[in-house]
Amino acid sequence: TPSIGEKIGDVVKPKGALKPRVQEGVKKLRLQIQKLDKMLSGLQERDGQLFSRIVEATQKHDTQTAKVLGNELAEIRKVIKIMSGARIALEQIELRLTTFSDLGDTVVAIMPTMGLMKRS
């Protein structure tokens, strides 16, 4: 029977080649970024609609409605700011993983040349 340390090692150290796991991670990150883009697009549309309603309410001197809508608009803008930050963070991770993968490809391509250079 495996020891506790071996069980933990199996969980912590996934099996399999690194490159396919990195590519799968990049694919999942891209899907999440697309979902965030859709959500951000919807929120920005709602932002525009609320802003128009606030302008209308202000022009009609309906300060109570304008105030309530203004508070809602402020909350939506906070959420947009948070989600935009999350999107940027995911994009940075995706870029880093892609760079890492490309670097690995380059090293694999250069290794035979390095071996030849060491021999001469």
N, C-alpha and C. Protein backbone atom coordinates (compact mmCIF):
# COMPACT_ATOMS: atom_id res chain seq x y z
N THR A 1 0.84 -1.19 0.00
CA THR A 1 0.00 0.00 0.00
C THR A 1 0.89 1.25 0.00
N PRO A 2 0.47 2.30 -0.73
CA PRO A 2 1.29 3.51 -0.79
C PRO A 2 1.25 4.27 0.54
N SER A 3 2.38 4.88 0.87
CA SER A 3 2.46 5.67 2.10
C SER A 3 1.73 7.00 1.90
N ILE A 4 1.56 7.73 2.99
CA ILE A 4 0.89 9.03 2.93
C ILE A 4 1.68 9.99 2.04
N GLY A 5 3.01 9.94 2.17
CA GLY A 5 3.87 10.80 1.34
C GLY A 5 3.71 10.52 -0.14
N GLU A 6 3.60 9.25 -0.50
CA GLU A 6 3.40 8.89 -1.91
C GLU A 6 2.05 9.35 -2.42
N LYS A 7 1.02 9.24 -1.56
CA LYS A 7 -0.31 9.70 -1.96
C LYS A 7 -0.30 11.21 -2.21
N ILE A 8 0.35 11.95 -1.31
CA ILE A 8 0.45 13.40 -1.48
C ILE A 8 1.24 13.73 -2.74
N GLY A 9 2.33 13.00 -2.97
CA GLY A 9 3.14 13.22 -4.16
C GLY A 9 2.35 13.01 -5.44
N ASP A 10 1.48 12.00 -5.44
CA ASP A 10 0.65 11.73 -6.62
C ASP A 10 -0.31 12.89 -6.90
N VAL A 11 -0.81 13.51 -5.84
CA VAL A 11 -1.74 14.62 -6.01
C VAL A 11 -0.99 15.88 -6.43
N VAL A 12 0.15 16.15 -5.78
CA VAL A 12 0.90 17.37 -6.03
C VAL A 12 1.60 17.34 -7.38
N LYS A 13 2.20 16.21 -7.73
CA LYS A 13 2.93 16.11 -9.00
C LYS A 13 2.08 15.36 -10.02
N PRO A 14 1.41 16.10 -10.92
CA PRO A 14 0.60 15.42 -11.93
C PRO A 14 1.48 14.63 -12.90
N LYS A 15 0.91 13.57 -13.40
CA LYS A 15 1.63 12.73 -14.35
C LYS A 15 1.42 13.26 -15.77
N GLY A 16 2.32 12.87 -16.65
CA GLY A 16 2.16 13.23 -18.05
C GLY A 16 3.11 14.32 -18.49
N ALA A 17 3.17 14.52 -19.80
CA ALA A 17 4.07 15.51 -20.39
C ALA A 17 3.60 16.91 -20.05
N LEU A 18 4.56 17.81 -19.93
CA LEU A 18 4.27 19.18 -19.53
C LEU A 18 3.60 19.98 -20.65
N LYS A 19 4.10 19.85 -21.87
CA LYS A 19 3.59 20.66 -22.97
C LYS A 19 2.08 20.51 -23.19
N PRO A 20 1.53 19.29 -23.25
CA PRO A 20 0.08 19.18 -23.42
C PRO A 20 -0.70 19.80 -22.25
N ARG A 21 -0.16 19.68 -21.04
CA ARG A 21 -0.83 20.29 -19.88
C ARG A 21 -0.82 21.80 -19.99
N VAL A 22 0.30 22.38 -20.44
CA VAL A 22 0.39 23.83 -20.62
C VAL A 22 -0.59 24.27 -21.71
N GLN A 23 -0.65 23.53 -22.82
CA GLN A 23 -1.57 23.88 -23.90
C GLN A 23 -3.02 23.80 -23.45
N GLU A 24 -3.33 22.80 -22.65
CA GLU A 24 -4.69 22.67 -22.11
C GLU A 24 -5.01 23.84 -21.19
N GLY A 25 -4.04 24.23 -20.38
CA GLY A 25 -4.23 25.38 -19.49
C GLY A 25 -4.47 26.66 -20.27
N VAL A 26 -3.70 26.87 -21.33
CA VAL A 26 -3.87 28.05 -22.17
C VAL A 26 -5.27 28.05 -22.80
N LYS A 27 -5.71 26.88 -23.25
CA LYS A 27 -7.05 26.78 -23.87
C LYS A 27 -8.14 27.14 -22.85
N LYS A 28 -8.00 26.63 -21.62
CA LYS A 28 -8.99 26.94 -20.58
C LYS A 28 -8.97 28.42 -20.22
N LEU A 29 -7.78 29.00 -20.17
CA LEU A 29 -7.67 30.43 -19.88
C LEU A 29 -8.35 31.26 -20.97
N ARG A 30 -8.16 30.87 -22.22
CA ARG A 30 -8.79 31.61 -23.33
C ARG A 30 -10.32 31.53 -23.23
N LEU A 31 -10.83 30.37 -22.84
CA LEU A 31 -12.29 30.24 -22.67
C LEU A 31 -12.79 31.16 -21.57
N GLN A 32 -12.06 31.21 -20.45
CA GLN A 32 -12.46 32.08 -19.35
C GLN A 32 -12.40 33.55 -19.76
N ILE A 33 -11.38 33.91 -20.53
CA ILE A 33 -11.25 35.29 -21.00
C ILE A 33 -12.43 35.64 -21.91
N GLN A 34 -12.84 34.71 -22.77
CA GLN A 34 -13.99 34.94 -23.64
C GLN A 34 -15.27 35.13 -22.83
N LYS A 35 -15.43 34.31 -21.78
CA LYS A 35 -16.61 34.45 -20.91
C LYS A 35 -16.61 35.82 -20.24
N LEU A 36 -15.44 36.23 -19.73
CA LEU A 36 -15.35 37.54 -19.10
C LEU A 36 -15.65 38.66 -20.10
N ASP A 37 -15.17 38.51 -21.33
CA ASP A 37 -15.45 39.52 -22.36
C ASP A 37 -16.95 39.67 -22.59
N LYS A 38 -17.66 38.54 -22.67
CA LYS A 38 -19.12 38.59 -22.86
C LYS A 38 -19.80 39.28 -21.69
N MET A 39 -19.37 38.92 -20.47
CA MET A 39 -19.97 39.52 -19.29
C MET A 39 -19.67 41.02 -19.23
N LEU A 40 -18.44 41.39 -19.55
CA LEU A 40 -18.07 42.81 -19.55
C LEU A 40 -18.86 43.58 -20.59
N SER A 41 -19.06 42.97 -21.74
CA SER A 41 -19.82 43.62 -22.80
C SER A 41 -21.25 43.90 -22.34
N GLY A 42 -21.87 42.92 -21.69
CA GLY A 42 -23.22 43.10 -21.16
C GLY A 42 -23.28 44.19 -20.10
N LEU A 43 -22.29 44.20 -19.21
CA LEU A 43 -22.26 45.22 -18.16
C LEU A 43 -22.05 46.62 -18.74
N GLN A 44 -21.21 46.72 -19.76
CA GLN A 44 -20.97 48.03 -20.37
C GLN A 44 -22.21 48.53 -21.10
N GLU A 45 -22.95 47.61 -21.68
CA GLU A 45 -24.21 47.99 -22.32
C GLU A 45 -25.20 48.51 -21.27
N ARG A 46 -25.27 47.79 -20.16
CA ARG A 46 -26.15 48.21 -19.06
C ARG A 46 -25.71 49.56 -18.51
N ASP A 47 -24.40 49.78 -18.43
CA ASP A 47 -23.84 51.05 -17.98
C ASP A 47 -24.36 52.19 -18.86
N GLY A 48 -24.30 52.00 -20.17
CA GLY A 48 -24.78 53.02 -21.10
C GLY A 48 -26.26 53.30 -20.96
N GLN A 49 -27.05 52.23 -20.78
CA GLN A 49 -28.49 52.39 -20.61
C GLN A 49 -28.81 53.17 -19.34
N LEU A 50 -28.15 52.79 -18.25
CA LEU A 50 -28.39 53.48 -16.98
C LEU A 50 -27.99 54.95 -17.07
N PHE A 51 -26.86 55.21 -17.71
CA PHE A 51 -26.40 56.59 -17.84
C PHE A 51 -27.43 57.43 -18.59
N SER A 52 -27.99 56.85 -19.66
CA SER A 52 -29.02 57.57 -20.43
C SER A 52 -30.25 57.85 -19.56
N ARG A 53 -30.64 56.87 -18.76
CA ARG A 53 -31.80 57.06 -17.87
C ARG A 53 -31.51 58.12 -16.81
N ILE A 54 -30.27 58.17 -16.34
CA ILE A 54 -29.90 59.20 -15.35
C ILE A 54 -29.99 60.58 -15.99
N VAL A 55 -29.51 60.71 -17.22
CA VAL A 55 -29.58 61.99 -17.93
C VAL A 55 -31.04 62.42 -18.09
N GLU A 56 -31.90 61.48 -18.49
CA GLU A 56 -33.33 61.79 -18.66
C GLU A 56 -33.95 62.23 -17.34
N ALA A 57 -33.65 61.49 -16.27
CA ALA A 57 -34.22 61.82 -14.96
C ALA A 57 -33.73 63.19 -14.50
N THR A 58 -32.47 63.50 -14.74
CA THR A 58 -31.92 64.79 -14.34
C THR A 58 -32.57 65.92 -15.13
N GLN A 59 -32.79 65.70 -16.42
CA GLN A 59 -33.43 66.72 -17.26
C GLN A 59 -34.87 66.98 -16.82
N LYS A 60 -35.52 65.95 -16.27
CA LYS A 60 -36.90 66.09 -15.78
C LYS A 60 -36.93 66.55 -14.33
N HIS A 61 -35.76 66.84 -13.76
CA HIS A 61 -35.61 67.27 -12.37
C HIS A 61 -36.12 66.22 -11.38
N ASP A 62 -36.02 64.95 -11.76
CA ASP A 62 -36.41 63.83 -10.89
C ASP A 62 -35.15 63.36 -10.16
N THR A 63 -34.79 64.11 -9.12
CA THR A 63 -33.51 63.85 -8.43
C THR A 63 -33.50 62.51 -7.71
N GLN A 64 -34.64 62.09 -7.19
CA GLN A 64 -34.69 60.82 -6.46
C GLN A 64 -34.34 59.65 -7.39
N THR A 65 -34.98 59.61 -8.55
CA THR A 65 -34.70 58.55 -9.52
C THR A 65 -33.25 58.63 -9.99
N ALA A 66 -32.79 59.84 -10.28
CA ALA A 66 -31.41 60.02 -10.74
C ALA A 66 -30.42 59.52 -9.69
N LYS A 67 -30.72 59.76 -8.42
CA LYS A 67 -29.83 59.33 -7.34
C LYS A 67 -29.78 57.80 -7.24
N VAL A 68 -30.96 57.17 -7.28
CA VAL A 68 -31.02 55.70 -7.20
C VAL A 68 -30.28 55.07 -8.38
N LEU A 69 -30.56 55.58 -9.58
CA LEU A 69 -29.90 55.05 -10.77
C LEU A 69 -28.39 55.32 -10.73
N GLY A 70 -28.01 56.46 -10.19
CA GLY A 70 -26.58 56.80 -10.06
C GLY A 70 -25.86 55.84 -9.14
N ASN A 71 -26.51 55.46 -8.04
CA ASN A 71 -25.90 54.48 -7.13
C ASN A 71 -25.73 53.13 -7.82
N GLU A 72 -26.75 52.73 -8.58
CA GLU A 72 -26.66 51.46 -9.31
C GLU A 72 -25.54 51.52 -10.35
N LEU A 73 -25.43 52.65 -11.04
CA LEU A 73 -24.37 52.82 -12.04
C LEU A 73 -22.99 52.73 -11.38
N ALA A 74 -22.85 53.32 -10.20
CA ALA A 74 -21.57 53.25 -9.49
C ALA A 74 -21.21 51.80 -9.16
N GLU A 75 -22.20 51.01 -8.74
CA GLU A 75 -21.95 49.60 -8.42
C GLU A 75 -21.55 48.82 -9.67
N ILE A 76 -22.24 49.08 -10.77
CA ILE A 76 -21.92 48.39 -12.02
C ILE A 76 -20.50 48.74 -12.45
N ARG A 77 -20.12 49.99 -12.30
CA ARG A 77 -18.76 50.39 -12.70
C ARG A 77 -17.70 49.75 -11.80
N LYS A 78 -18.03 49.54 -10.53
CA LYS A 78 -17.09 48.84 -9.64
C LYS A 78 -16.88 47.40 -10.12
N VAL A 79 -18.00 46.74 -10.47
CA VAL A 79 -17.92 45.36 -10.94
C VAL A 79 -17.13 45.30 -12.25
N ILE A 80 -17.37 46.26 -13.15
CA ILE A 80 -16.63 46.31 -14.41
C ILE A 80 -15.14 46.44 -14.15
N LYS A 81 -14.79 47.29 -13.19
CA LYS A 81 -13.37 47.50 -12.86
C LYS A 81 -12.74 46.21 -12.33
N ILE A 82 -13.44 45.52 -11.45
CA ILE A 82 -12.93 44.26 -10.88
C ILE A 82 -12.78 43.20 -11.97
N MET A 83 -13.81 43.07 -12.80
CA MET A 83 -13.78 42.06 -13.86
C MET A 83 -12.71 42.37 -14.91
N SER A 84 -12.50 43.64 -15.19
CA SER A 84 -11.45 44.02 -16.14
C SER A 84 -10.08 43.66 -15.58
N GLY A 85 -9.90 43.87 -14.29
CA GLY A 85 -8.64 43.48 -13.65
C GLY A 85 -8.43 41.98 -13.71
N ALA A 86 -9.49 41.22 -13.47
CA ALA A 86 -9.39 39.76 -13.54
C ALA A 86 -9.06 39.31 -14.96
N ARG A 87 -9.68 39.96 -15.94
CA ARG A 87 -9.42 39.62 -17.34
C ARG A 87 -7.95 39.87 -17.70
N ILE A 88 -7.44 41.01 -17.27
CA ILE A 88 -6.04 41.34 -17.54
C ILE A 88 -5.11 40.33 -16.88
N ALA A 89 -5.42 39.94 -15.65
CA ALA A 89 -4.60 38.96 -14.94
C ALA A 89 -4.59 37.62 -15.69
N LEU A 90 -5.76 37.17 -16.14
CA LEU A 90 -5.84 35.92 -16.89
C LEU A 90 -5.06 36.01 -18.20
N GLU A 91 -5.15 37.17 -18.84
CA GLU A 91 -4.43 37.36 -20.10
C GLU A 91 -2.91 37.32 -19.86
N GLN A 92 -2.46 37.91 -18.75
CA GLN A 92 -1.03 37.87 -18.42
C GLN A 92 -0.57 36.43 -18.19
N ILE A 93 -1.38 35.66 -17.49
CA ILE A 93 -1.03 34.25 -17.24
C ILE A 93 -0.97 33.49 -18.56
N GLU A 94 -1.95 33.74 -19.42
CA GLU A 94 -1.97 33.07 -20.73
C GLU A 94 -0.71 33.41 -21.53
N LEU A 95 -0.34 34.69 -21.54
CA LEU A 95 0.86 35.11 -22.27
C LEU A 95 2.11 34.46 -21.68
N ARG A 96 2.18 34.39 -20.37
CA ARG A 96 3.35 33.79 -19.71
C ARG A 96 3.45 32.31 -20.07
N LEU A 97 2.34 31.61 -20.03
CA LEU A 97 2.35 30.18 -20.38
C LEU A 97 2.71 29.97 -21.84
N THR A 98 2.20 30.82 -22.71
CA THR A 98 2.52 30.71 -24.13
C THR A 98 4.01 30.96 -24.36
N THR A 99 4.55 31.97 -23.69
CA THR A 99 5.98 32.27 -23.79
C THR A 99 6.80 31.09 -23.30
N PHE A 100 6.39 30.53 -22.17
CA PHE A 100 7.07 29.37 -21.59
C PHE A 100 7.07 28.21 -22.57
N SER A 101 5.93 27.97 -23.20
CA SER A 101 5.80 26.88 -24.16
C SER A 101 6.68 27.13 -25.38
N ASP A 102 6.68 28.37 -25.88
CA ASP A 102 7.52 28.71 -27.04
C ASP A 102 9.00 28.57 -26.70
N LEU A 103 9.37 28.96 -25.49
CA LEU A 103 10.76 28.82 -25.06
C LEU A 103 11.16 27.35 -25.04
N GLY A 104 10.27 26.51 -24.55
CA GLY A 104 10.53 25.07 -24.53
C GLY A 104 10.75 24.52 -25.93
N ASP A 105 9.92 24.98 -26.88
CA ASP A 105 10.08 24.55 -28.28
C ASP A 105 11.43 24.98 -28.83
N THR A 106 11.83 26.21 -28.49
CA THR A 106 13.12 26.73 -28.96
C THR A 106 14.27 25.92 -28.39
N VAL A 107 14.21 25.62 -27.10
CA VAL A 107 15.27 24.84 -26.46
C VAL A 107 15.37 23.46 -27.11
N VAL A 108 14.24 22.83 -27.37
CA VAL A 108 14.25 21.51 -28.02
C VAL A 108 14.89 21.61 -29.40
N ALA A 109 14.62 22.68 -30.13
CA ALA A 109 15.18 22.85 -31.47
C ALA A 109 16.68 23.13 -31.42
N ILE A 110 17.14 23.83 -30.38
CA ILE A 110 18.55 24.24 -30.28
C ILE A 110 19.43 23.14 -29.69
N MET A 111 18.88 22.27 -28.88
CA MET A 111 19.69 21.27 -28.17
C MET A 111 20.62 20.46 -29.07
N PRO A 112 20.17 19.96 -30.22
CA PRO A 112 21.11 19.21 -31.06
C PRO A 112 22.30 20.07 -31.51
N THR A 113 22.04 21.33 -31.80
CA THR A 113 23.11 22.24 -32.20
C THR A 113 24.09 22.46 -31.06
N MET A 114 23.57 22.60 -29.86
CA MET A 114 24.43 22.80 -28.69
C MET A 114 25.33 21.58 -28.49
N GLY A 115 24.79 20.39 -28.72
CA GLY A 115 25.57 19.17 -28.59
C GLY A 115 26.71 19.14 -29.59
N LEU A 116 26.44 19.58 -30.81
CA LEU A 116 27.48 19.62 -31.84
C LEU A 116 28.57 20.62 -31.48
N MET A 117 28.16 21.76 -30.93
CA MET A 117 29.13 22.80 -30.57
C MET A 117 30.04 22.34 -29.44
N LYS A 118 29.51 21.59 -28.49
CA LYS A 118 30.31 21.11 -27.37
C LYS A 118 31.35 20.09 -27.82
N ARG A 119 31.00 19.30 -28.82
CA ARG A 119 31.92 18.26 -29.31
C ARG A 119 33.11 18.85 -30.06
N SER A 120 32.91 19.98 -30.73
CA SER A 120 34.00 20.52 -31.53
C SER A 120 34.95 21.40 -30.75
